[in-house]
Amino acid sequence: EALHMATALLPRLPVRHPGNAPVIGTNTVAAMTSGVFWGYIGLIEGLVTRIKAERNEKMTVVATGGLAPLFAKATTVIEHIDPDLTLRGLLQIHERNPV
């Protein structure tokens, strides 16, 4: 979204797996698709690796949100998928703090 909004000519693209395309795209759309997808995977893997090293304890990595299944298929650091975890957590907070 930011690439599209901040530039005049770059297209708006959905986040999706680039398939068997090379990591370095051969055209604008392929490069953007690959860069965004593999950039997120690198972010996820990097954060999980750093957090595990810092905490030095056993933990389970749960991906949440609408893109969780997409990213979980492309990395081994995500152990479980719960797309609605955040929403259920917000509901519990609301139920514990009625207005």
N, C-alpha and C. Protein backbone atom coordinates (compact mmCIF):
# COMPACT_ATOMS: atom_id res chain seq x y z
N GLU A 1 0.82 -1.20 0.00
CA GLU A 1 0.00 0.00 0.00
C GLU A 1 0.87 1.26 0.00
N ALA A 2 1.88 1.29 0.85
CA ALA A 2 2.73 2.48 0.94
C ALA A 2 3.47 2.75 -0.36
N LEU A 3 3.92 1.70 -1.03
CA LEU A 3 4.61 1.89 -2.31
C LEU A 3 3.69 2.55 -3.33
N HIS A 4 2.44 2.14 -3.33
CA HIS A 4 1.46 2.69 -4.27
C HIS A 4 1.10 4.13 -3.91
N MET A 5 0.87 4.39 -2.63
CA MET A 5 0.42 5.72 -2.19
C MET A 5 1.52 6.78 -2.32
N ALA A 6 2.76 6.40 -2.12
CA ALA A 6 3.85 7.38 -2.11
C ALA A 6 4.48 7.60 -3.48
N THR A 7 4.01 6.89 -4.48
CA THR A 7 4.59 7.03 -5.81
C THR A 7 3.47 7.15 -6.84
N ALA A 8 3.76 7.79 -7.94
CA ALA A 8 2.74 8.02 -8.95
C ALA A 8 2.48 6.82 -9.85
N LEU A 9 3.49 6.00 -10.09
CA LEU A 9 3.35 4.97 -11.12
C LEU A 9 3.36 3.53 -10.62
N LEU A 10 3.67 3.30 -9.35
CA LEU A 10 3.70 1.91 -8.88
C LEU A 10 2.28 1.43 -8.59
N PRO A 11 1.97 0.20 -9.01
CA PRO A 11 0.60 -0.31 -8.82
C PRO A 11 0.34 -0.74 -7.38
N ARG A 12 -0.93 -0.78 -7.02
CA ARG A 12 -1.35 -1.34 -5.73
C ARG A 12 -1.46 -2.86 -5.93
N LEU A 13 -0.76 -3.60 -5.08
CA LEU A 13 -0.74 -5.06 -5.22
C LEU A 13 -1.12 -5.72 -3.90
N PRO A 14 -1.83 -6.85 -3.98
CA PRO A 14 -2.12 -7.59 -2.75
C PRO A 14 -0.86 -8.31 -2.27
N VAL A 15 -0.79 -8.58 -0.98
CA VAL A 15 0.31 -9.39 -0.45
C VAL A 15 -0.01 -10.83 -0.82
N ARG A 16 0.89 -11.46 -1.54
CA ARG A 16 0.68 -12.85 -1.95
C ARG A 16 2.03 -13.53 -2.12
N HIS A 17 2.01 -14.85 -2.12
CA HIS A 17 3.23 -15.63 -2.34
C HIS A 17 3.64 -15.45 -3.80
N PRO A 18 4.91 -15.17 -4.05
CA PRO A 18 5.35 -14.97 -5.44
C PRO A 18 5.48 -16.25 -6.25
N GLY A 19 5.15 -17.38 -5.66
CA GLY A 19 5.24 -18.64 -6.39
C GLY A 19 6.68 -19.05 -6.63
N ASN A 20 6.94 -19.59 -7.79
CA ASN A 20 8.30 -20.05 -8.13
C ASN A 20 9.15 -18.95 -8.75
N ALA A 21 8.65 -17.73 -8.74
CA ALA A 21 9.40 -16.61 -9.33
C ALA A 21 10.70 -16.40 -8.56
N PRO A 22 11.73 -15.92 -9.23
CA PRO A 22 12.98 -15.63 -8.52
C PRO A 22 12.77 -14.52 -7.49
N VAL A 23 13.58 -14.54 -6.45
CA VAL A 23 13.46 -13.53 -5.40
C VAL A 23 13.64 -12.13 -5.98
N ILE A 24 14.59 -11.98 -6.88
CA ILE A 24 14.77 -10.69 -7.56
C ILE A 24 13.89 -10.71 -8.80
N GLY A 25 12.83 -9.92 -8.77
CA GLY A 25 11.86 -9.92 -9.86
C GLY A 25 12.44 -9.42 -11.16
N THR A 26 11.83 -9.86 -12.25
CA THR A 26 12.30 -9.46 -13.58
C THR A 26 11.47 -8.31 -14.16
N ASN A 27 10.46 -7.87 -13.42
CA ASN A 27 9.68 -6.69 -13.81
C ASN A 27 9.16 -6.03 -12.53
N THR A 28 8.53 -4.90 -12.66
CA THR A 28 8.11 -4.13 -11.48
C THR A 28 7.17 -4.92 -10.58
N VAL A 29 6.13 -5.51 -11.15
CA VAL A 29 5.15 -6.24 -10.34
C VAL A 29 5.80 -7.43 -9.65
N ALA A 30 6.61 -8.19 -10.37
CA ALA A 30 7.28 -9.35 -9.77
C ALA A 30 8.24 -8.92 -8.67
N ALA A 31 8.96 -7.83 -8.89
CA ALA A 31 9.90 -7.34 -7.89
C ALA A 31 9.18 -6.86 -6.64
N MET A 32 8.07 -6.15 -6.81
CA MET A 32 7.30 -5.67 -5.66
C MET A 32 6.67 -6.83 -4.90
N THR A 33 6.08 -7.77 -5.62
CA THR A 33 5.45 -8.92 -4.99
C THR A 33 6.46 -9.72 -4.19
N SER A 34 7.58 -10.02 -4.80
CA SER A 34 8.63 -10.79 -4.14
C SER A 34 9.22 -10.03 -2.96
N GLY A 35 9.51 -8.77 -3.16
CA GLY A 35 10.13 -7.96 -2.11
C GLY A 35 9.25 -7.83 -0.88
N VAL A 36 7.98 -7.58 -1.09
CA VAL A 36 7.06 -7.45 0.05
C VAL A 36 6.91 -8.79 0.76
N PHE A 37 6.65 -9.86 0.00
CA PHE A 37 6.43 -11.16 0.63
C PHE A 37 7.68 -11.65 1.37
N TRP A 38 8.81 -11.72 0.68
CA TRP A 38 10.03 -12.24 1.32
C TRP A 38 10.57 -11.27 2.37
N GLY A 39 10.26 -10.00 2.22
CA GLY A 39 10.62 -9.03 3.26
C GLY A 39 9.88 -9.32 4.56
N TYR A 40 8.59 -9.62 4.46
CA TYR A 40 7.82 -9.98 5.66
C TYR A 40 8.32 -11.28 6.27
N ILE A 41 8.64 -12.25 5.43
CA ILE A 41 9.16 -13.53 5.95
C ILE A 41 10.47 -13.27 6.69
N GLY A 42 11.35 -12.46 6.12
CA GLY A 42 12.61 -12.12 6.79
C GLY A 42 12.37 -11.41 8.11
N LEU A 43 11.40 -10.52 8.14
CA LEU A 43 11.05 -9.81 9.37
C LEU A 43 10.57 -10.79 10.43
N ILE A 44 9.66 -11.68 10.06
CA ILE A 44 9.12 -12.67 11.00
C ILE A 44 10.24 -13.56 11.54
N GLU A 45 11.03 -14.12 10.64
CA GLU A 45 12.11 -15.02 11.07
C GLU A 45 13.14 -14.31 11.92
N GLY A 46 13.49 -13.09 11.54
CA GLY A 46 14.47 -12.32 12.30
C GLY A 46 13.98 -12.00 13.70
N LEU A 47 12.73 -11.56 13.82
CA LEU A 47 12.18 -11.24 15.14
C LEU A 47 12.08 -12.47 16.03
N VAL A 48 11.58 -13.56 15.47
CA VAL A 48 11.44 -14.79 16.26
C VAL A 48 12.81 -15.27 16.74
N THR A 49 13.80 -15.25 15.86
CA THR A 49 15.15 -15.68 16.23
C THR A 49 15.71 -14.80 17.34
N ARG A 50 15.56 -13.50 17.22
CA ARG A 50 16.09 -12.58 18.24
C ARG A 50 15.36 -12.72 19.57
N ILE A 51 14.04 -12.84 19.52
CA ILE A 51 13.27 -12.98 20.76
C ILE A 51 13.63 -14.28 21.47
N LYS A 52 13.74 -15.37 20.72
CA LYS A 52 14.10 -16.65 21.34
C LYS A 52 15.50 -16.59 21.96
N ALA A 53 16.44 -15.94 21.29
CA ALA A 53 17.80 -15.81 21.82
C ALA A 53 17.81 -14.94 23.08
N GLU A 54 17.03 -13.89 23.06
CA GLU A 54 16.98 -12.96 24.20
C GLU A 54 16.30 -13.59 25.41
N ARG A 55 15.22 -14.30 25.18
CA ARG A 55 14.45 -14.89 26.28
C ARG A 55 15.04 -16.20 26.77
N ASN A 56 15.69 -16.92 25.88
CA ASN A 56 16.33 -18.20 26.23
C ASN A 56 15.39 -19.12 27.00
N GLU A 57 14.17 -19.25 26.50
CA GLU A 57 13.19 -20.15 27.10
C GLU A 57 12.32 -20.73 26.00
N LYS A 58 11.68 -21.85 26.29
CA LYS A 58 10.83 -22.49 25.31
C LYS A 58 9.58 -21.63 25.08
N MET A 59 9.26 -21.44 23.84
CA MET A 59 8.05 -20.68 23.52
C MET A 59 7.45 -21.22 22.23
N THR A 60 6.17 -20.96 22.07
CA THR A 60 5.43 -21.35 20.88
C THR A 60 5.11 -20.10 20.08
N VAL A 61 5.37 -20.14 18.80
CA VAL A 61 5.10 -19.00 17.93
C VAL A 61 3.75 -19.20 17.26
N VAL A 62 2.84 -18.25 17.51
CA VAL A 62 1.49 -18.30 16.97
C VAL A 62 1.32 -17.10 16.03
N ALA A 63 0.94 -17.37 14.81
CA ALA A 63 0.66 -16.30 13.85
C ALA A 63 -0.83 -15.99 13.91
N THR A 64 -1.15 -14.71 13.89
CA THR A 64 -2.54 -14.30 13.94
C THR A 64 -2.81 -13.27 12.85
N GLY A 65 -4.05 -13.10 12.51
CA GLY A 65 -4.42 -12.14 11.47
C GLY A 65 -4.72 -12.83 10.15
N GLY A 66 -5.25 -12.06 9.25
CA GLY A 66 -5.70 -12.61 7.97
C GLY A 66 -4.61 -13.19 7.09
N LEU A 67 -3.38 -12.69 7.22
CA LEU A 67 -2.28 -13.18 6.39
C LEU A 67 -1.48 -14.30 7.06
N ALA A 68 -1.88 -14.68 8.27
CA ALA A 68 -1.14 -15.72 9.01
C ALA A 68 -0.97 -17.01 8.21
N PRO A 69 -2.02 -17.55 7.61
CA PRO A 69 -1.84 -18.80 6.85
C PRO A 69 -0.85 -18.66 5.69
N LEU A 70 -0.88 -17.52 5.02
CA LEU A 70 0.03 -17.28 3.89
C LEU A 70 1.48 -17.32 4.34
N PHE A 71 1.79 -16.60 5.43
CA PHE A 71 3.17 -16.54 5.90
C PHE A 71 3.60 -17.85 6.56
N ALA A 72 2.70 -18.50 7.25
CA ALA A 72 3.05 -19.75 7.95
C ALA A 72 3.50 -20.83 6.98
N LYS A 73 2.95 -20.83 5.78
CA LYS A 73 3.33 -21.83 4.78
C LYS A 73 4.75 -21.63 4.26
N ALA A 74 5.30 -20.42 4.44
CA ALA A 74 6.60 -20.09 3.85
C ALA A 74 7.75 -20.07 4.84
N THR A 75 7.48 -20.40 6.11
CA THR A 75 8.54 -20.38 7.11
C THR A 75 8.32 -21.50 8.12
N THR A 76 9.39 -21.93 8.73
CA THR A 76 9.28 -22.98 9.75
C THR A 76 9.20 -22.41 11.16
N VAL A 77 9.33 -21.10 11.33
CA VAL A 77 9.32 -20.54 12.69
C VAL A 77 7.92 -20.41 13.26
N ILE A 78 6.89 -20.38 12.42
CA ILE A 78 5.51 -20.29 12.89
C ILE A 78 5.01 -21.69 13.17
N GLU A 79 4.59 -21.92 14.42
CA GLU A 79 4.17 -23.26 14.83
C GLU A 79 2.66 -23.46 14.80
N HIS A 80 1.91 -22.41 15.02
CA HIS A 80 0.44 -22.50 15.02
C HIS A 80 -0.13 -21.26 14.34
N ILE A 81 -1.33 -21.42 13.82
CA ILE A 81 -2.05 -20.31 13.20
C ILE A 81 -3.36 -20.12 13.94
N ASP A 82 -3.64 -18.90 14.34
CA ASP A 82 -4.92 -18.56 14.96
C ASP A 82 -5.32 -17.19 14.44
N PRO A 83 -6.01 -17.15 13.28
CA PRO A 83 -6.33 -15.87 12.65
C PRO A 83 -7.16 -14.92 13.52
N ASP A 84 -7.90 -15.45 14.48
CA ASP A 84 -8.79 -14.62 15.28
C ASP A 84 -8.30 -14.37 16.70
N LEU A 85 -7.07 -14.70 17.01
CA LEU A 85 -6.55 -14.56 18.37
C LEU A 85 -6.67 -13.13 18.89
N THR A 86 -6.29 -12.17 18.11
CA THR A 86 -6.35 -10.77 18.54
C THR A 86 -7.78 -10.34 18.82
N LEU A 87 -8.70 -10.72 17.94
CA LEU A 87 -10.10 -10.35 18.13
C LEU A 87 -10.68 -10.99 19.38
N ARG A 88 -10.35 -12.25 19.62
CA ARG A 88 -10.84 -12.91 20.84
C ARG A 88 -10.25 -12.25 22.08
N GLY A 89 -9.00 -11.84 22.00
CA GLY A 89 -8.38 -11.14 23.13
C GLY A 89 -9.06 -9.81 23.41
N LEU A 90 -9.37 -9.06 22.36
CA LEU A 90 -10.08 -7.80 22.54
C LEU A 90 -11.47 -8.02 23.12
N LEU A 91 -12.15 -9.08 22.70
CA LEU A 91 -13.46 -9.40 23.25
C LEU A 91 -13.36 -9.72 24.74
N GLN A 92 -12.34 -10.48 25.13
CA GLN A 92 -12.16 -10.79 26.55
C GLN A 92 -11.89 -9.52 27.36
N ILE A 93 -11.10 -8.62 26.84
CA ILE A 93 -10.85 -7.35 27.54
C ILE A 93 -12.16 -6.59 27.71
N HIS A 94 -12.95 -6.54 26.65
CA HIS A 94 -14.24 -5.84 26.71
C HIS A 94 -15.16 -6.49 27.75
N GLU A 95 -15.22 -7.81 27.74
CA GLU A 95 -16.11 -8.51 28.68
C GLU A 95 -15.68 -8.31 30.13
N ARG A 96 -14.40 -8.15 30.36
CA ARG A 96 -13.90 -7.94 31.73
C ARG A 96 -14.03 -6.49 32.19
N ASN A 97 -14.25 -5.60 31.24
CA ASN A 97 -14.34 -4.16 31.56
C ASN A 97 -15.60 -3.56 30.93
N PRO A 98 -16.77 -3.96 31.40
CA PRO A 98 -18.00 -3.43 30.78
C PRO A 98 -18.11 -1.92 30.98
N VAL A 99 -18.69 -1.28 30.00
CA VAL A 99 -18.84 0.18 30.05
C VAL A 99 -20.08 0.55 30.83
